[in-house]
């Protein structure tokens, strides 16, 4: 038997209707007959109160920040109810993991990666037609938004401050279901701490590093396990094996916090220097800035223009 909410969606007259922004389908030559294209997200929002089971597709671009998109999705979900499908398609911007989870928490059914072909994109939309939004919306939009934002601190912190900041970041991420990564990179004995630390360039808010007497500790806020290696390549300005003789990674929140607790206990019994005053916090070299662009909160993606309407 089909549950009542699902039955209502299946029987809704707009069950197969798709409303999409022009930006979300830029470059497509043809659309299914049940698709209706609008120029602005505001036009889609105006349709939400009368919708029962329609699909709304929004595009994320570099000019619109995460906050307007999050607020739009939250309003659309509250006005349209649990039967409508809200999809965000990355186009000229790529979301950070914590921002993606924020949009899902505020009402989005799915976020579609920019690399997905249009035919695969259509298949994903089709697979969502019978979906019901079952997550509980947060009572306060502002509170949900703040919980998704990484701490303002970034870069190097003295060891004791680093431990406190990492613990706070893990708690913040847990509020929206975001996981982070902690890495211990063991320095080659023949290298000095300072020459190794000067090779690390963390710029994203929430990404932190520090050192004890033997290792560098790197914390990557809202970083998927699959993205750790590529992120390390962009933030360490030398091959890893030239600087480090080994590494340990902590992914699960409980295990990560336990590792920080252990580090904090060690710091009470060892002489761990504060390298902050000796590190160059000036502009990074041009090649470093270029490499780190993939780790920005929003990264550019090439798109093509929407063909003229018939």
Protein backbone atom coordinates (compact mmCIF):
# COMPACT_ATOMS: atom_id res chain seq x y z
CA UNK A 1 0.00 0.00 0.00
CA UNK A 2 1.13 3.55 -0.74
CA UNK A 3 1.27 5.90 2.24
CA UNK A 4 -1.05 8.92 2.20
CA UNK A 5 1.61 11.59 1.54
CA UNK A 6 3.11 9.58 -1.34
CA UNK A 7 -0.37 8.92 -2.76
CA UNK A 8 -1.12 12.64 -2.71
CA UNK A 9 2.07 13.33 -4.65
CA UNK A 10 1.42 10.61 -7.22
CA UNK A 11 -2.10 11.92 -7.80
CA UNK A 12 -1.16 15.62 -7.90
CA UNK A 13 -1.87 17.34 -11.24
CA UNK A 14 1.60 18.94 -11.19
CA UNK A 15 3.44 15.68 -10.38
CA UNK A 16 5.32 15.71 -13.70
CA UNK A 17 5.73 19.49 -14.03
CA UNK A 18 9.24 20.96 -13.85
CA UNK A 19 9.93 24.67 -13.30
CA UNK A 20 13.54 25.64 -14.01
CA UNK A 21 15.59 28.80 -14.14
CA UNK A 22 17.21 29.62 -17.46
CA UNK A 23 20.64 29.39 -15.85
CA UNK A 24 20.04 25.81 -14.73
CA UNK A 25 19.59 24.62 -18.32
CA UNK A 26 22.06 26.91 -20.09
CA UNK A 27 23.47 25.20 -23.16
CA UNK A 28 20.64 22.69 -23.53
CA UNK A 29 19.14 22.54 -27.02
CA UNK A 30 15.81 20.99 -26.11
CA UNK A 31 13.71 20.30 -23.04
CA UNK A 32 10.96 17.80 -22.20
CA UNK A 33 7.47 19.12 -22.90
CA UNK A 34 6.60 19.29 -19.21
CA UNK A 35 9.47 21.70 -18.46
CA UNK A 36 8.80 25.42 -18.05
CA UNK A 37 11.75 27.83 -18.13
CA UNK A 38 11.85 31.12 -16.19
CA UNK A 39 14.47 33.84 -16.12
CA UNK A 40 14.72 34.46 -12.38
CA UNK A 41 14.52 32.43 -9.16
CA UNK A 42 11.92 34.90 -7.87
CA UNK A 43 9.50 33.69 -10.56
CA UNK A 44 9.89 30.12 -9.29
CA UNK A 45 9.31 31.24 -5.72
CA UNK A 46 6.02 32.85 -6.72
CA UNK A 47 4.82 29.45 -8.00
CA UNK A 48 5.67 27.52 -4.82
CA UNK A 49 2.51 28.31 -2.78
CA UNK A 50 0.27 26.74 -5.44
CA UNK A 51 2.46 23.68 -6.03
CA UNK A 52 1.83 20.20 -4.63
CA UNK A 53 4.38 17.91 -6.25
CA UNK A 54 6.13 19.97 -8.93
CA UNK A 55 9.92 20.05 -9.32
CA UNK A 56 11.78 23.37 -9.00
CA UNK A 57 15.31 23.65 -10.40
CA UNK A 58 17.56 26.52 -9.34
CA UNK A 59 21.03 27.36 -10.58
CA UNK A 60 23.94 28.39 -8.41
CA UNK A 61 26.23 31.01 -9.93
CA UNK A 62 29.24 32.94 -8.69
CA UNK A 63 27.41 36.26 -8.39
CA UNK A 64 24.75 35.04 -5.99
CA UNK A 65 26.15 34.11 -2.62
CA UNK A 66 25.16 31.13 -0.54
CA UNK A 67 22.92 33.13 1.81
CA UNK A 68 20.38 34.32 -0.84
CA UNK A 69 20.21 30.80 -2.26
CA UNK A 70 19.72 29.26 1.18
CA UNK A 71 16.98 31.75 2.04
CA UNK A 72 15.21 31.16 -1.27
CA UNK A 73 15.20 27.38 -0.73
CA UNK A 74 13.95 27.78 2.84
CA UNK A 75 11.08 30.01 1.69
CA UNK A 76 10.21 27.73 -1.20
CA UNK A 77 10.09 24.67 1.03
CA UNK A 78 7.92 26.38 3.66
CA UNK A 79 5.50 27.67 1.03
CA UNK A 80 5.43 24.60 -1.21
CA UNK A 81 5.33 21.86 1.41
CA UNK A 82 7.02 18.48 1.50
CA UNK A 83 5.71 17.25 -1.84
CA UNK A 84 7.59 19.70 -4.06
CA UNK A 85 11.10 18.82 -5.20
CA UNK A 86 13.77 21.51 -4.96
CA UNK A 87 16.98 20.89 -6.88
CA UNK A 88 20.09 23.07 -7.11
CA UNK A 89 22.27 22.66 -10.19
CA UNK A 90 25.83 23.91 -9.93
CA UNK A 91 26.71 25.95 -13.00
CA UNK A 92 29.22 28.80 -12.66
CA UNK A 93 29.94 27.90 -9.04
CA UNK A 94 30.79 24.82 -7.03
CA UNK A 95 29.58 24.51 -3.46
CA UNK A 96 31.70 23.75 -0.47
CA UNK A 97 30.57 20.62 1.35
CA UNK A 98 29.17 22.55 4.34
CA UNK A 99 27.16 24.85 2.06
CA UNK A 100 25.73 21.85 0.19
CA UNK A 101 24.62 20.31 3.47
CA UNK A 102 23.11 23.63 4.55
CA UNK A 103 20.93 23.78 1.42
CA UNK A 104 19.81 20.20 1.99
CA UNK A 105 18.93 20.96 5.58
CA UNK A 106 16.94 24.05 4.59
CA UNK A 107 14.79 22.22 2.06
CA UNK A 108 16.68 21.11 -1.05
CA UNK A 109 16.14 17.54 -2.23
CA UNK A 110 19.39 17.38 -4.15
CA UNK A 111 22.42 19.35 -5.31
CA UNK A 112 23.59 18.37 -8.80
CA UNK A 113 27.31 18.51 -9.52
CA UNK A 114 28.40 20.80 -12.34
CA UNK A 115 30.27 17.98 -14.09
CA UNK A 116 27.12 15.90 -14.66
CA UNK A 117 26.02 15.77 -18.30
CA UNK A 118 22.60 17.10 -19.26
CA UNK A 119 21.28 13.61 -20.03
CA UNK A 120 22.40 12.36 -16.60
CA UNK A 121 20.96 15.51 -15.06
CA UNK A 122 17.57 14.70 -16.63
CA UNK A 123 17.78 11.18 -15.24
CA UNK A 124 18.38 12.51 -11.71
CA UNK A 125 15.40 14.85 -11.99
CA UNK A 126 13.22 11.96 -13.15
CA UNK A 127 14.35 9.82 -10.21
CA UNK A 128 13.18 12.48 -7.76
CA UNK A 129 9.60 12.73 -9.03
CA UNK A 130 8.05 10.60 -6.25
CA UNK A 131 10.28 11.82 -3.44
CA UNK A 132 8.85 13.36 -0.27
CA UNK A 133 10.94 15.76 1.79
CA UNK A 134 11.09 14.19 5.25
CA UNK A 135 13.75 16.21 7.07
CA UNK A 136 12.60 18.60 9.77
CA UNK A 137 13.17 22.23 8.83
CA UNK A 138 15.13 24.27 11.38
CA UNK A 139 12.99 26.76 13.25
CA UNK A 140 15.33 29.67 12.57
CA UNK A 141 16.92 30.36 9.21
CA UNK A 142 19.56 32.62 10.77
CA UNK A 143 20.60 29.95 13.27
CA UNK A 144 20.89 27.32 10.55
CA UNK A 145 22.95 29.68 8.42
CA UNK A 146 25.35 30.48 11.24
CA UNK A 147 25.83 26.80 12.03
CA UNK A 148 26.97 26.12 8.45
CA UNK A 149 29.55 28.90 8.36
CA UNK A 150 33.09 27.86 9.26
CA UNK A 151 34.85 29.65 12.10
CA UNK A 152 36.55 32.87 11.02
CA UNK A 153 40.00 31.58 11.99
CA UNK A 154 42.19 30.10 9.28
CA UNK A 155 45.83 29.26 8.73
CA UNK A 156 48.36 28.75 11.48
CA UNK A 157 47.42 28.80 15.17
CA UNK A 158 49.62 28.17 18.18
CA UNK A 159 49.11 24.57 19.36
CA UNK A 160 46.85 25.27 22.35
CA UNK A 161 44.62 27.62 20.36
CA UNK A 162 44.56 25.13 17.50
CA UNK A 163 43.10 22.41 19.72
CA UNK A 164 40.32 24.67 20.96
CA UNK A 165 39.49 25.89 17.43
CA UNK A 166 39.34 22.37 15.98
CA UNK A 167 37.02 21.21 18.75
CA UNK A 168 34.69 24.17 18.10
CA UNK A 169 34.73 23.51 14.35
CA UNK A 170 33.77 19.85 14.80
CA UNK A 171 30.83 20.84 17.00
CA UNK A 172 29.73 23.43 14.44
CA UNK A 173 29.88 20.95 11.58
CA UNK A 174 27.95 18.33 13.52
CA UNK A 175 24.98 20.71 13.71
CA UNK A 176 24.39 20.29 9.96
CA UNK A 177 25.81 16.81 9.48
CA UNK A 178 29.14 17.96 8.04
CA UNK A 179 32.33 16.00 8.69
CA UNK A 180 35.87 17.34 8.65
CA UNK A 181 39.34 15.80 8.47
CA UNK A 182 42.33 15.96 10.81
CA UNK A 183 45.76 14.96 9.54
CA UNK A 184 49.01 14.41 11.38
CA UNK A 185 51.98 14.76 9.01
CA UNK A 186 55.26 13.50 10.49
CA UNK A 187 58.13 15.81 9.55
CA UNK A 188 61.34 14.32 8.11
CA UNK A 189 63.95 14.49 10.90
CA UNK A 190 66.45 16.37 8.72
CA UNK A 191 63.99 19.24 8.11
CA UNK A 192 63.22 22.11 10.45
CA UNK A 193 59.66 22.83 11.54
CA UNK A 194 59.85 26.34 10.15
CA UNK A 195 60.86 25.39 6.61
CA UNK A 196 58.03 22.84 6.50
CA UNK A 197 55.39 25.15 7.95
CA UNK A 198 56.30 27.82 5.39
CA UNK A 199 55.28 25.37 2.66
CA UNK A 200 51.70 25.19 3.92
CA UNK A 201 49.15 27.70 2.66
CA UNK A 202 45.66 27.39 4.12
CA UNK A 203 43.26 30.15 3.13
CA UNK A 204 39.74 28.78 3.41
CA UNK A 205 37.96 29.90 6.58
CA UNK A 206 38.01 27.05 9.05
CA UNK A 207 41.10 25.30 7.63
CA UNK A 208 43.83 25.29 10.29
CA UNK A 209 47.32 23.99 10.95
CA UNK A 210 49.78 23.83 13.83
CA UNK A 211 52.67 21.70 15.04
CA UNK A 212 53.96 19.82 18.05
CA UNK A 213 57.58 18.69 18.54
CA UNK A 214 57.45 16.09 15.73
CA UNK A 215 54.53 16.69 13.39
CA UNK A 216 52.34 19.16 11.57
CA UNK A 217 48.61 18.91 12.26
CA UNK A 218 46.25 20.00 9.46
CA UNK A 219 42.50 20.41 9.99
CA UNK A 220 40.30 20.66 6.88
CA UNK A 221 36.85 21.94 7.74
CA UNK A 222 33.96 20.34 5.84
CA UNK A 223 36.22 18.16 3.73
CA UNK A 224 34.99 14.87 2.31
CA UNK A 225 37.31 11.91 2.71
CA UNK A 226 37.54 11.57 -1.06
CA UNK A 227 38.78 15.17 -1.36
CA UNK A 228 41.61 15.01 1.17
CA UNK A 229 44.38 14.07 -1.27
CA UNK A 230 43.49 16.70 -3.86
CA UNK A 231 43.15 19.34 -1.15
CA UNK A 232 46.56 18.50 0.28
CA UNK A 233 48.08 18.91 -3.17
CA UNK A 234 46.72 22.46 -3.36
CA UNK A 235 47.71 23.63 0.11
CA UNK A 236 51.16 22.07 0.52
CA UNK A 237 53.62 23.81 -1.78
CA UNK A 238 55.93 20.80 -2.22
CA UNK A 239 55.58 17.05 -2.78
CA UNK A 240 54.39 15.49 0.46
CA UNK A 241 57.10 12.84 0.56
CA UNK A 242 59.78 15.55 0.47
CA UNK A 243 58.47 17.04 3.71
CA UNK A 244 56.90 14.18 5.60
CA UNK A 245 57.84 10.58 6.38
CA UNK A 246 54.29 9.46 7.12
CA UNK A 247 50.81 10.57 8.04
CA UNK A 248 47.76 9.65 10.08
CA UNK A 249 44.18 10.69 9.24
CA UNK A 250 41.15 11.01 11.49
CA UNK A 251 37.73 11.34 9.82
CA UNK A 252 34.98 10.33 12.26
CA UNK A 253 34.06 13.13 14.64
CA UNK A 254 34.48 11.10 17.84
CA UNK A 255 37.87 9.74 16.78
CA UNK A 256 38.98 13.16 15.59
CA UNK A 257 38.09 14.84 18.88
CA UNK A 258 39.84 12.04 20.77
CA UNK A 259 43.00 12.73 18.74
CA UNK A 260 42.76 16.42 19.67
CA UNK A 261 42.32 15.47 23.34
CA UNK A 262 45.48 13.35 23.13
CA UNK A 263 47.38 16.19 21.46
CA UNK A 264 46.22 18.60 24.13
CA UNK A 265 47.48 16.24 26.85
CA UNK A 266 50.85 15.90 25.11
CA UNK A 267 51.20 19.67 24.91
CA UNK A 268 51.20 19.83 28.70
CA UNK A 269 54.39 17.76 28.83
CA UNK A 270 56.43 18.85 25.79
CA UNK A 271 57.98 22.08 24.60
CA UNK A 272 55.87 23.04 21.56
CA UNK A 273 56.91 26.35 20.03
CA UNK A 274 54.59 29.01 18.64
CA UNK A 275 55.80 29.58 15.08
CA UNK A 276 53.19 32.23 14.28
CA UNK A 277 55.49 35.28 14.61
CA UNK A 278 58.06 33.62 12.31
CA UNK A 279 55.70 32.64 9.51
CA UNK A 280 55.14 34.86 6.51
CA UNK A 281 51.46 35.85 6.49
CA UNK A 282 51.84 38.11 3.47
CA UNK A 283 50.41 37.43 -0.01
CA UNK A 284 51.07 33.94 -1.31
CA UNK A 285 53.13 33.53 -4.49
CA UNK A 286 51.12 33.69 -7.71
CA UNK A 287 51.51 29.95 -8.34
CA UNK A 288 50.21 29.16 -4.87
CA UNK A 289 47.17 31.36 -5.32
CA UNK A 290 46.37 29.68 -8.64
CA UNK A 291 46.71 26.21 -7.13
CA UNK A 292 44.49 27.04 -4.19
CA UNK A 293 41.62 28.35 -6.32
CA UNK A 294 40.10 24.85 -6.37
CA UNK A 295 39.81 24.97 -2.59
CA UNK A 296 37.85 28.24 -2.55
CA UNK A 297 34.28 28.29 -1.23
CA UNK A 298 33.09 28.86 -4.79
CA UNK A 299 35.08 27.73 -7.81
CA UNK A 300 34.40 28.74 -11.45
CA UNK A 301 32.95 26.31 -13.97
CA UNK A 302 32.73 26.93 -17.69
CA UNK A 303 29.20 27.25 -19.09
CA UNK A 304 27.58 28.10 -22.39
CA UNK A 305 24.77 30.53 -23.02
CA UNK A 306 21.10 29.54 -23.18
CA UNK A 307 19.88 29.43 -26.79
CA UNK A 308 17.26 32.07 -27.75
CA UNK A 309 13.66 31.17 -27.06
CA UNK A 310 11.58 30.16 -30.03
